[in-house]
Amino acid sequence: MSATAIPSFRKSQESWDASILPGEANPIAPLLDLAILQTNVQGAYVYRYTGISAEATVAAFAGPEPENPGRSLPRDLMSLHWNRRTPVVLRSQAASDWRFSRFPELRAGWFDGLVSVPLLENSEGVGLANFCLKGGAPLSAGAVTFLINLSLPLGTLLAASALRGQLRRAQQHLADRKVVERAKGLLQARFGWTEEETYIRLRRLSRRSRTPLREIAGLIVESGPEPLWEALNR
């Protein structure tokens, strides 16, 4: 395949990853591009296991966009796979196989064949990659081997992106706490409230207005406590 085919392919595909830090390129996407360019598969879908339970969400994909990519897959479906350590190759009728029929990419009727590869990091399952084929598309033994060998690099990238996501959430939580503490200090200094009383008033306003506490705190820090005086005293 000529080099000019790569930009046109990437333009027609989509990749998505919820846990990549803002502004950072998705490190999984190039491997999915490579899988499609080196084999006859027309879609690649990577699922990340969440926690220690049989739950998973889409981490990245190349091909038709799955329905509700941010939604967790059913536990009873993923319980069939999250302890699996061997690949599964179905050259046809994958959409009717009881183990795979409820995956979004197969439920939509886009594909007929499937190579499903467990993704490992330090011998632990961290996710699953489904490489999909349309009806009648050939798949050589070498292509199957190539896809199976992606288990370790994809697993490593998946685990790393999960750690970055945890770091991002921890950083955001710390930033939110700093804003709330600063807002509490401004309210205490301005109105003479105790720390406990200040926090109770903020939480009550947050629940009543259905506004996150960090947003209320941010408004107080930016505009001062006076604009919210009446609301905080209700």
Protein backbone atom coordinates (compact mmCIF):
# COMPACT_ATOMS: atom_id res chain seq x y z
CA MET A 1 0.00 0.00 0.00
CA SER A 2 1.41 3.38 -0.94
CA ALA A 3 2.22 6.04 1.63
CA THR A 4 -0.48 8.28 0.17
CA ALA A 5 -3.11 5.84 1.42
CA ILE A 6 -2.26 6.45 5.08
CA PRO A 7 -3.58 10.06 5.36
CA SER A 8 -6.80 9.16 3.54
CA PHE A 9 -7.35 6.20 5.86
CA ARG A 10 -6.80 8.24 8.98
CA LYS A 11 -9.14 10.92 7.71
CA SER A 12 -11.94 8.39 7.35
CA GLN A 13 -11.39 6.72 10.73
CA GLU A 14 -11.96 7.92 14.24
CA SER A 15 -10.05 7.24 17.46
CA TRP A 16 -11.28 8.07 20.90
CA ASP A 17 -9.78 7.72 24.36
CA ALA A 18 -11.40 9.12 27.46
CA SER A 19 -8.37 8.91 29.71
CA ILE A 20 -5.67 10.61 27.62
CA LEU A 21 -4.45 13.86 29.12
CA PRO A 22 -5.74 16.98 27.33
CA GLY A 23 -3.65 17.87 24.30
CA GLU A 24 -1.85 14.52 24.28
CA ALA A 25 -2.02 12.33 21.19
CA ASN A 26 -3.72 9.00 21.61
CA PRO A 27 -0.80 6.51 21.81
CA ILE A 28 -3.05 3.54 20.98
CA ALA A 29 -4.32 4.92 17.67
CA PRO A 30 -1.10 4.36 15.65
CA LEU A 31 -1.12 0.65 16.54
CA LEU A 32 -4.73 0.37 15.40
CA ASP A 33 -3.82 2.13 12.16
CA LEU A 34 -0.94 -0.29 11.71
CA ALA A 35 -3.18 -3.30 12.35
CA ILE A 36 -5.58 -2.21 9.64
CA LEU A 37 -2.86 -1.28 7.17
CA GLN A 38 -0.97 -4.55 7.65
CA THR A 39 -3.97 -6.92 7.58
CA ASN A 40 -7.39 -7.12 5.97
CA VAL A 41 -9.35 -6.07 9.06
CA GLN A 42 -11.67 -3.08 8.62
CA GLY A 43 -12.24 -2.21 12.26
CA ALA A 44 -10.29 -2.32 15.53
CA TYR A 45 -11.88 -1.81 18.96
CA VAL A 46 -9.92 -1.71 22.21
CA TYR A 47 -11.74 -2.16 25.53
CA ARG A 48 -10.27 -1.27 28.91
CA TYR A 49 -11.23 -3.23 32.00
CA THR A 50 -12.26 -0.96 34.86
CA GLY A 51 -11.16 -1.84 38.38
CA ILE A 52 -11.08 -5.50 39.31
CA SER A 53 -14.59 -6.34 38.16
CA ALA A 54 -15.86 -7.59 34.83
CA GLU A 55 -16.62 -4.15 33.42
CA ALA A 56 -15.13 -2.50 30.36
CA THR A 57 -15.39 0.66 28.30
CA VAL A 58 -14.08 1.60 24.87
CA ALA A 59 -10.54 2.96 25.16
CA ALA A 60 -9.84 3.49 21.44
CA PHE A 61 -11.20 2.45 18.08
CA ALA A 62 -10.57 2.69 14.35
CA GLY A 63 -13.54 2.10 12.07
CA PRO A 64 -17.27 2.81 12.42
CA GLU A 65 -18.02 4.52 15.73
CA PRO A 66 -19.69 2.20 18.26
CA GLU A 67 -22.94 3.26 19.88
CA ASN A 68 -22.41 5.21 23.14
CA PRO A 69 -18.63 4.63 23.30
CA GLY A 70 -18.38 6.00 26.84
CA ARG A 71 -20.87 3.56 28.30
CA SER A 72 -19.70 0.45 30.16
CA LEU A 73 -20.36 -2.90 28.56
CA PRO A 74 -22.60 -5.29 30.54
CA ARG A 75 -20.84 -7.25 33.27
CA ASP A 76 -22.32 -10.54 32.19
CA LEU A 77 -20.81 -10.02 28.72
CA MET A 78 -17.37 -9.06 29.96
CA SER A 79 -17.33 -11.86 32.54
CA LEU A 80 -16.94 -14.17 29.55
CA HIS A 81 -13.67 -12.48 28.59
CA TRP A 82 -11.88 -10.68 31.41
CA ASN A 83 -10.08 -13.80 32.63
CA ARG A 84 -9.44 -15.08 29.11
CA ARG A 85 -5.77 -15.34 28.15
CA THR A 86 -6.06 -16.93 24.70
CA PRO A 87 -7.09 -15.27 21.42
CA VAL A 88 -10.24 -16.26 19.56
CA VAL A 89 -10.38 -16.30 15.75
CA LEU A 90 -13.77 -16.41 14.00
CA ARG A 91 -13.49 -16.05 10.25
CA SER A 92 -17.26 -15.75 9.81
CA GLN A 93 -20.55 -15.54 11.72
CA ALA A 94 -18.93 -13.78 14.67
CA ALA A 95 -22.04 -11.62 15.05
CA SER A 96 -24.07 -14.70 15.92
CA ASP A 97 -21.51 -16.18 18.34
CA TRP A 98 -22.92 -16.04 21.89
CA ARG A 99 -19.60 -14.79 23.28
CA PHE A 100 -19.36 -11.76 20.97
CA SER A 101 -22.81 -10.96 19.55
CA ARG A 102 -23.44 -8.14 22.06
CA PHE A 103 -20.27 -6.19 21.37
CA PRO A 104 -21.38 -2.89 19.74
CA GLU A 105 -19.30 -3.34 16.60
CA LEU A 106 -20.87 -6.75 15.94
CA ARG A 107 -24.37 -5.90 17.12
CA ALA A 108 -24.49 -3.10 14.55
CA GLY A 109 -24.01 -5.63 11.74
CA TRP A 110 -20.88 -4.02 10.32
CA PHE A 111 -18.67 -7.11 10.51
CA ASP A 112 -18.78 -10.85 10.08
CA GLY A 113 -15.30 -12.04 11.11
CA LEU A 114 -13.34 -11.37 14.28
CA VAL A 115 -9.93 -11.80 15.90
CA SER A 116 -10.36 -11.15 19.63
CA VAL A 117 -7.11 -10.67 21.53
CA PRO A 118 -6.76 -10.33 25.32
CA LEU A 119 -4.49 -7.45 26.27
CA LEU A 120 -1.93 -8.12 28.98
CA GLU A 121 0.38 -6.10 31.20
CA ASN A 122 2.71 -8.07 33.47
CA SER A 123 0.66 -11.19 32.72
CA GLU A 124 -2.50 -9.48 34.00
CA GLY A 125 -5.47 -8.84 31.77
CA VAL A 126 -6.04 -5.11 31.31
CA GLY A 127 -8.36 -5.16 28.31
CA LEU A 128 -9.47 -6.69 25.08
CA ALA A 129 -8.97 -5.88 21.39
CA ASN A 130 -11.47 -6.94 18.75
CA PHE A 131 -10.16 -6.79 15.18
CA CYS A 132 -13.10 -7.12 12.80
CA LEU A 133 -13.63 -8.14 9.17
CA LYS A 134 -16.49 -7.66 6.78
CA GLY A 135 -18.10 -10.69 5.21
CA GLY A 136 -15.85 -12.61 2.84
CA ALA A 137 -12.66 -10.66 3.65
CA PRO A 138 -9.67 -13.04 3.67
CA LEU A 139 -7.31 -13.23 6.63
CA SER A 140 -4.00 -15.03 6.36
CA ALA A 141 -2.28 -16.97 9.12
CA GLY A 142 0.44 -14.30 9.13
CA ALA A 143 -2.14 -11.58 9.66
CA VAL A 144 -3.65 -13.47 12.59
CA THR A 145 -0.20 -13.85 14.14
CA PHE A 146 0.47 -10.13 13.63
CA LEU A 147 -2.76 -9.20 15.43
CA ILE A 148 -2.13 -11.61 18.30
CA ASN A 149 1.36 -10.17 18.77
CA LEU A 150 -0.20 -6.75 19.43
CA SER A 151 -1.41 -8.03 22.80
CA LEU A 152 1.63 -6.90 24.78
CA PRO A 153 2.25 -3.44 23.24
CA LEU A 154 -1.45 -2.59 23.31
CA GLY A 155 -1.70 -3.84 26.90
CA THR A 156 1.27 -1.72 27.95
CA LEU A 157 -0.16 1.41 26.33
CA LEU A 158 -3.60 0.72 27.78
CA ALA A 159 -2.22 0.37 31.31
CA ALA A 160 -0.12 3.52 30.88
CA SER A 161 -3.08 5.56 29.65
CA ALA A 162 -5.14 4.35 32.64
CA LEU A 163 -2.40 5.57 35.00
CA ARG A 164 -2.34 8.94 33.24
CA GLY A 165 -6.09 9.14 33.64
CA GLN A 166 -5.79 8.46 37.36
CA LEU A 167 -3.11 11.13 37.65
CA ARG A 168 -5.28 13.62 35.80
CA ARG A 169 -8.23 12.93 38.10
CA ALA A 170 -6.02 13.24 41.18
CA GLN A 171 -4.66 16.55 39.93
CA GLN A 172 -8.16 17.83 39.25
CA HIS A 173 -9.34 16.73 42.70
CA LEU A 174 -6.43 18.56 44.31
CA ALA A 175 -7.12 21.70 42.27
CA ASP A 176 -10.81 21.58 43.25
CA ARG A 177 -9.93 21.23 46.94
CA LYS A 178 -7.62 24.24 46.75
CA VAL A 179 -10.37 26.38 45.23
CA VAL A 180 -12.91 25.26 47.84
CA GLU A 181 -10.48 25.92 50.70
CA ARG A 182 -9.72 29.38 49.34
CA ALA A 183 -13.42 30.18 49.02
CA LYS A 184 -14.04 28.98 52.58
CA GLY A 185 -11.26 31.25 53.82
CA LEU A 186 -12.78 34.26 52.04
CA LEU A 187 -16.23 33.58 53.51
CA GLN A 188 -14.87 33.06 57.01
CA ALA A 189 -12.87 36.28 56.87
CA ARG A 190 -15.77 38.29 55.42
CA PHE A 191 -18.69 37.03 57.52
CA GLY A 192 -17.05 35.57 60.62
CA TRP A 193 -18.42 32.06 60.10
CA THR A 194 -16.70 29.00 61.50
CA GLU A 195 -15.08 26.54 59.08
CA GLU A 196 -17.85 23.99 59.68
CA GLU A 197 -20.62 26.54 59.22
CA THR A 198 -19.01 27.79 56.02
CA TYR A 199 -18.79 24.31 54.56
CA ILE A 200 -22.40 23.52 55.48
CA ARG A 201 -23.61 26.69 53.75
CA LEU A 202 -21.60 25.91 50.62
CA ARG A 203 -22.85 22.32 50.44
CA ARG A 204 -26.44 23.44 50.98
CA LEU A 205 -26.17 25.98 48.18
CA SER A 206 -24.57 23.37 45.93
CA ARG A 207 -27.43 20.91 46.48
CA ARG A 208 -30.14 23.52 46.20
CA SER A 209 -28.80 25.01 42.99
CA ARG A 210 -27.59 21.68 41.58
CA THR A 211 -24.24 23.29 40.94
CA PRO A 212 -20.94 21.53 41.68
CA LEU A 213 -19.25 22.82 44.81
CA ARG A 214 -16.07 23.63 42.87
CA GLU A 215 -18.03 25.95 40.55
CA ILE A 216 -19.59 27.85 43.44
CA ALA A 217 -16.17 28.11 45.09
CA GLY A 218 -14.65 29.34 41.84
CA LEU A 219 -17.28 32.09 41.57
CA ILE A 220 -16.54 33.23 45.12
CA VAL A 221 -12.80 33.32 44.44
CA GLU A 222 -13.24 35.23 41.19
CA SER A 223 -16.01 37.68 42.19
CA GLY A 224 -15.85 37.78 45.97
CA PRO A 225 -18.42 36.47 48.47
CA GLU A 226 -20.89 39.38 48.28
CA PRO A 227 -22.78 38.26 45.11
CA LEU A 228 -23.71 35.00 46.86
CA TRP A 229 -24.54 36.51 50.24
CA GLU A 230 -28.29 36.07 49.94
CA ALA A 231 -28.06 32.59 48.44
CA LEU A 232 -25.72 31.43 51.20
CA ASN A 233 -28.05 32.70 53.91
CA ARG A 234 -31.21 30.97 52.71
